[in-house]
Amino acid sequence: MDFLRWLFEARIEIGNGDYLILREVLGNVFGLASALGGMRRKMWAWPVGIAGNLLLLTVFFGSLFGAATTATLLGQAGRQIMFIAVAVYGWRRWRGNDTGSDAAVVPHWASSRARAGLVVGMVVGSALLTPVFRLLGSYEPVWADTWTFVGSLLATYGMAKGWVEFWLIWVAVDVVGVPLLFSAGYYASAVMYLFYGIFTLIGFFVWWRVESRSHGQPAVAEPERIRA
């Protein structure tokens, strides 16, 4: 109990009365490790990601687990629950793959129908959930919170399916999520999302190259330092 009390109360002071929530920092570190494992197509990416999701879930519920002045981002909190559910699905799916290598999945492009479904799902899903999140008291602008929720759902599902395009969905999430998190005062997550924006582009090219090699096709030119 003492450890849990310390974990929920611990802060990292950054000056001028501002601070970082330790759980937020740890959750994002786990998330980064999971993203790295996903780029390398390692099975351990899923359980490590779940650990980070559990920590961030307590952060984004705001005043329920923290100070009364902490902003509540229902989209961010809800997507942590979604991450856990989809991670279990992805974990089981990857375990069932027989790739003939130490990688858990072979990247491939989604079908045209699946791509259209991703675009429609992103736009329509965000539009339908925005008024719901607003009624529940989510932080403004609510559409941005909803966009990150829906995009995260689709990106995680795409990773579980092994679609190369899932990295580009993360880019779309980061473009909206970074300014939202900064405005809500979640600085650690905002900085991490900013880094993710660069990381996801690298991951996209890494998976693209692996997919091209699996079909005996030359990949597009990319920096030589990128390695799968």
Protein backbone atom coordinates (compact mmCIF):
# COMPACT_ATOMS: atom_id res chain seq x y z
CA MET A 1 0.00 0.00 0.00
CA ASP A 2 2.85 2.37 0.77
CA PHE A 3 4.28 1.74 -2.69
CA LEU A 4 0.94 2.42 -4.36
CA ARG A 5 0.47 5.61 -2.36
CA TRP A 6 3.94 6.77 -3.37
CA LEU A 7 3.30 5.84 -7.03
CA PHE A 8 0.04 7.80 -7.20
CA GLU A 9 1.45 10.86 -5.43
CA ALA A 10 4.98 11.02 -6.89
CA ARG A 11 5.85 14.06 -9.01
CA ILE A 12 8.90 15.35 -10.81
CA GLU A 13 9.30 19.08 -10.23
CA ILE A 14 10.35 21.05 -13.32
CA GLY A 15 10.33 24.58 -11.82
CA ASN A 16 7.94 27.54 -11.57
CA GLY A 17 5.42 25.36 -9.78
CA ASP A 18 5.08 23.00 -12.74
CA TYR A 19 5.62 19.27 -12.43
CA LEU A 20 5.41 15.98 -14.26
CA ILE A 21 3.32 13.09 -12.96
CA LEU A 22 5.65 10.13 -12.41
CA ARG A 23 3.01 7.65 -13.59
CA GLU A 24 2.69 9.61 -16.82
CA VAL A 25 6.45 9.49 -17.40
CA LEU A 26 6.69 5.76 -16.62
CA GLY A 27 3.65 4.96 -18.75
CA ASN A 28 5.16 6.72 -21.74
CA VAL A 29 8.52 5.02 -21.25
CA PHE A 30 6.74 1.67 -21.36
CA GLY A 31 4.84 2.88 -24.43
CA LEU A 32 8.05 3.84 -26.19
CA ALA A 33 9.58 0.46 -25.42
CA SER A 34 6.46 -1.21 -26.80
CA ALA A 35 6.64 0.87 -29.99
CA LEU A 36 10.27 -0.13 -30.45
CA GLY A 37 9.35 -3.77 -29.99
CA GLY A 38 6.51 -3.35 -32.48
CA MET A 39 8.86 -1.88 -35.06
CA ARG A 40 11.13 -4.91 -34.61
CA ARG A 41 8.07 -7.20 -34.63
CA LYS A 42 8.83 -8.69 -31.21
CA MET A 43 6.21 -10.49 -29.15
CA TRP A 44 7.17 -8.72 -25.91
CA ALA A 45 5.91 -5.42 -27.35
CA TRP A 46 2.34 -6.34 -26.35
CA PRO A 47 2.74 -7.06 -22.59
CA VAL A 48 5.10 -4.11 -22.14
CA GLY A 49 2.55 -1.88 -23.84
CA ILE A 50 -0.22 -3.16 -21.56
CA ALA A 51 1.82 -2.19 -18.49
CA GLY A 52 2.18 1.34 -19.85
CA ASN A 53 -1.53 1.52 -20.67
CA LEU A 54 -2.49 0.67 -17.09
CA LEU A 55 -0.30 3.48 -15.76
CA LEU A 56 -1.61 6.04 -18.25
CA LEU A 57 -5.19 4.99 -17.57
CA THR A 58 -4.83 6.28 -14.01
CA VAL A 59 -3.28 9.50 -15.31
CA PHE A 60 -5.91 10.55 -17.83
CA PHE A 61 -8.85 9.89 -15.54
CA GLY A 62 -7.61 13.10 -13.95
CA SER A 63 -9.10 13.99 -10.58
CA LEU A 64 -10.28 10.42 -9.95
CA PHE A 65 -6.69 9.35 -9.32
CA GLY A 66 -4.87 12.67 -8.94
CA ALA A 67 -5.30 16.28 -7.92
CA ALA A 68 -8.66 17.99 -8.32
CA THR A 69 -7.14 20.39 -10.86
CA THR A 70 -5.87 17.62 -13.15
CA ALA A 71 -7.61 17.65 -16.53
CA THR A 72 -9.77 14.66 -17.39
CA LEU A 73 -9.26 13.39 -20.95
CA LEU A 74 -11.85 10.69 -21.48
CA GLY A 75 -10.62 9.94 -24.97
CA GLN A 76 -7.09 9.42 -23.72
CA ALA A 77 -8.32 7.33 -20.77
CA GLY A 78 -10.70 5.33 -22.91
CA ARG A 79 -8.06 4.51 -25.44
CA GLN A 80 -5.89 2.98 -22.72
CA ILE A 81 -8.70 0.51 -22.01
CA MET A 82 -9.04 -0.07 -25.74
CA PHE A 83 -5.27 -0.56 -26.05
CA ILE A 84 -5.35 -3.30 -23.43
CA ALA A 85 -8.23 -5.11 -25.15
CA VAL A 86 -6.69 -4.87 -28.63
CA ALA A 87 -3.23 -5.73 -27.26
CA VAL A 88 -4.60 -9.02 -25.95
CA TYR A 89 -6.01 -9.67 -29.44
CA GLY A 90 -2.73 -8.69 -31.11
CA TRP A 91 -0.67 -10.73 -28.67
CA ARG A 92 -2.72 -13.85 -29.41
CA ARG A 93 -2.71 -13.19 -33.16
CA TRP A 94 1.06 -12.76 -33.33
CA ARG A 95 1.59 -15.88 -31.21
CA GLY A 96 -0.41 -17.83 -33.77
CA ASN A 97 1.80 -16.72 -36.67
CA ASP A 98 4.47 -18.99 -38.11
CA THR A 99 6.89 -16.63 -39.86
CA GLY A 100 9.92 -18.88 -39.88
CA SER A 101 12.00 -16.22 -38.09
CA ASP A 102 12.36 -14.58 -34.71
CA ALA A 103 9.93 -11.87 -35.85
CA ALA A 104 6.31 -12.42 -34.83
CA VAL A 105 4.67 -11.06 -37.98
CA VAL A 106 5.44 -10.39 -41.66
CA PRO A 107 4.29 -6.87 -42.63
CA HIS A 108 1.92 -6.53 -45.58
CA TRP A 109 -0.26 -3.85 -47.14
CA ALA A 110 -3.95 -3.69 -46.33
CA SER A 111 -6.43 -4.29 -49.13
CA SER A 112 -8.08 -1.32 -50.85
CA ARG A 113 -11.30 -2.13 -49.03
CA ALA A 114 -9.54 -2.21 -45.67
CA ARG A 115 -7.84 1.12 -46.38
CA ALA A 116 -11.17 2.72 -47.23
CA GLY A 117 -12.58 1.29 -44.02
CA LEU A 118 -9.76 2.87 -42.01
CA VAL A 119 -10.40 6.32 -43.50
CA VAL A 120 -14.16 6.13 -43.07
CA GLY A 121 -13.80 4.73 -39.58
CA MET A 122 -11.45 7.56 -38.58
CA VAL A 123 -13.72 10.35 -39.82
CA VAL A 124 -17.13 8.92 -38.97
CA GLY A 125 -16.04 7.46 -35.66
CA SER A 126 -14.61 10.79 -34.52
CA ALA A 127 -17.75 12.67 -35.58
CA LEU A 128 -20.09 10.27 -33.77
CA LEU A 129 -18.12 10.12 -30.52
CA THR A 130 -17.41 13.85 -30.16
CA PRO A 131 -20.85 14.77 -28.72
CA VAL A 132 -20.70 11.72 -26.44
CA PHE A 133 -17.31 12.71 -25.02
CA ARG A 134 -18.54 16.29 -24.62
CA LEU A 135 -21.52 15.16 -22.55
CA LEU A 136 -19.19 13.10 -20.38
CA GLY A 137 -17.09 16.17 -19.64
CA SER A 138 -13.98 15.56 -21.69
CA TYR A 139 -11.41 18.35 -22.14
CA GLU A 140 -11.88 20.83 -25.00
CA PRO A 141 -11.44 20.70 -27.91
CA VAL A 142 -13.35 17.45 -27.59
CA TRP A 143 -13.04 16.55 -31.28
CA ALA A 144 -9.26 16.34 -30.84
CA ASP A 145 -9.61 14.01 -27.86
CA THR A 146 -12.01 11.86 -29.88
CA TRP A 147 -9.72 11.86 -32.92
CA THR A 148 -6.82 10.47 -30.87
CA PHE A 149 -9.10 7.81 -29.38
CA VAL A 150 -10.45 6.55 -32.71
CA GLY A 151 -7.08 6.79 -34.44
CA SER A 152 -5.38 4.86 -31.66
CA LEU A 153 -7.98 2.11 -31.92
CA LEU A 154 -7.49 1.76 -35.67
CA ALA A 155 -3.69 1.96 -35.47
CA THR A 156 -3.44 -0.74 -32.80
CA TYR A 157 -5.82 -2.97 -34.76
CA GLY A 158 -3.71 -2.39 -37.88
CA MET A 159 -0.56 -3.41 -36.00
CA ALA A 160 -2.25 -6.61 -34.83
CA LYS A 161 -3.19 -7.36 -38.47
CA GLY A 162 0.36 -6.61 -39.64
CA TRP A 163 -0.67 -3.78 -41.97
CA VAL A 164 2.12 -1.41 -43.00
CA GLU A 165 -0.35 1.50 -43.04
CA PHE A 166 -0.90 1.42 -39.29
CA TRP A 167 2.18 3.62 -38.80
CA LEU A 168 0.61 6.40 -40.88
CA ILE A 169 -2.49 6.36 -38.68
CA TRP A 170 -0.22 7.02 -35.68
CA VAL A 171 1.19 10.04 -37.51
CA ALA A 172 -2.35 11.42 -37.91
CA VAL A 173 -2.96 10.81 -34.20
CA ASP A 174 0.25 12.59 -33.19
CA VAL A 175 -0.47 15.67 -35.29
CA VAL A 176 -3.63 16.29 -33.27
CA GLY A 177 -2.58 14.72 -29.98
CA VAL A 178 0.57 16.78 -29.33
CA PRO A 179 -1.10 20.23 -29.12
CA LEU A 180 -4.04 18.73 -27.18
CA LEU A 181 -1.77 17.27 -24.51
CA PHE A 182 0.29 20.44 -24.21
CA SER A 183 -2.86 22.52 -23.71
CA ALA A 184 -4.15 20.08 -21.07
CA GLY A 185 -0.88 20.23 -19.13
CA TYR A 186 0.25 16.67 -19.81
CA TYR A 187 3.74 17.74 -20.85
CA ALA A 188 5.48 14.37 -20.58
CA SER A 189 2.93 12.73 -22.89
CA ALA A 190 3.05 15.69 -25.29
CA VAL A 191 6.83 15.48 -25.62
CA MET A 192 6.63 11.72 -26.04
CA TYR A 193 3.97 12.09 -28.75
CA LEU A 194 6.24 14.57 -30.53
CA PHE A 195 8.99 11.97 -30.50
CA TYR A 196 6.52 9.31 -31.63
CA GLY A 197 5.77 11.41 -34.70
CA ILE A 198 9.34 10.93 -35.89
CA PHE A 199 9.54 7.36 -34.66
CA THR A 200 6.38 6.31 -36.50
CA LEU A 201 7.72 7.57 -39.80
CA ILE A 202 10.87 5.49 -39.29
CA GLY A 203 8.73 2.49 -38.37
CA PHE A 204 6.69 2.95 -41.53
CA PHE A 205 9.78 2.79 -43.76
CA VAL A 206 11.18 -0.17 -41.82
CA TRP A 207 7.98 -2.18 -42.28
CA TRP A 208 7.70 -1.05 -45.90
CA ARG A 209 11.19 -2.39 -46.62
CA VAL A 210 10.48 -5.70 -44.88
CA GLU A 211 7.24 -6.06 -46.86
CA SER A 212 9.07 -5.33 -50.13
CA ARG A 213 11.77 -7.87 -49.37
CA SER A 214 9.19 -10.54 -48.55
CA HIS A 215 7.86 -10.15 -52.11
CA GLY A 216 11.26 -9.81 -53.76
CA GLN A 217 10.63 -6.16 -54.67
CA PRO A 218 12.99 -3.21 -54.15
CA ALA A 219 11.89 -0.83 -51.39
CA VAL A 220 11.85 2.93 -51.84
CA ALA A 221 15.02 4.80 -51.00
CA GLU A 222 15.41 5.41 -47.28
CA PRO A 223 18.18 6.41 -44.88
CA GLU A 224 20.84 3.69 -44.60
CA ARG A 225 20.84 3.95 -40.79
CA ILE A 226 17.33 2.47 -40.58
CA ARG A 227 17.46 -1.23 -39.80
CA ALA A 228 14.60 -3.62 -39.07
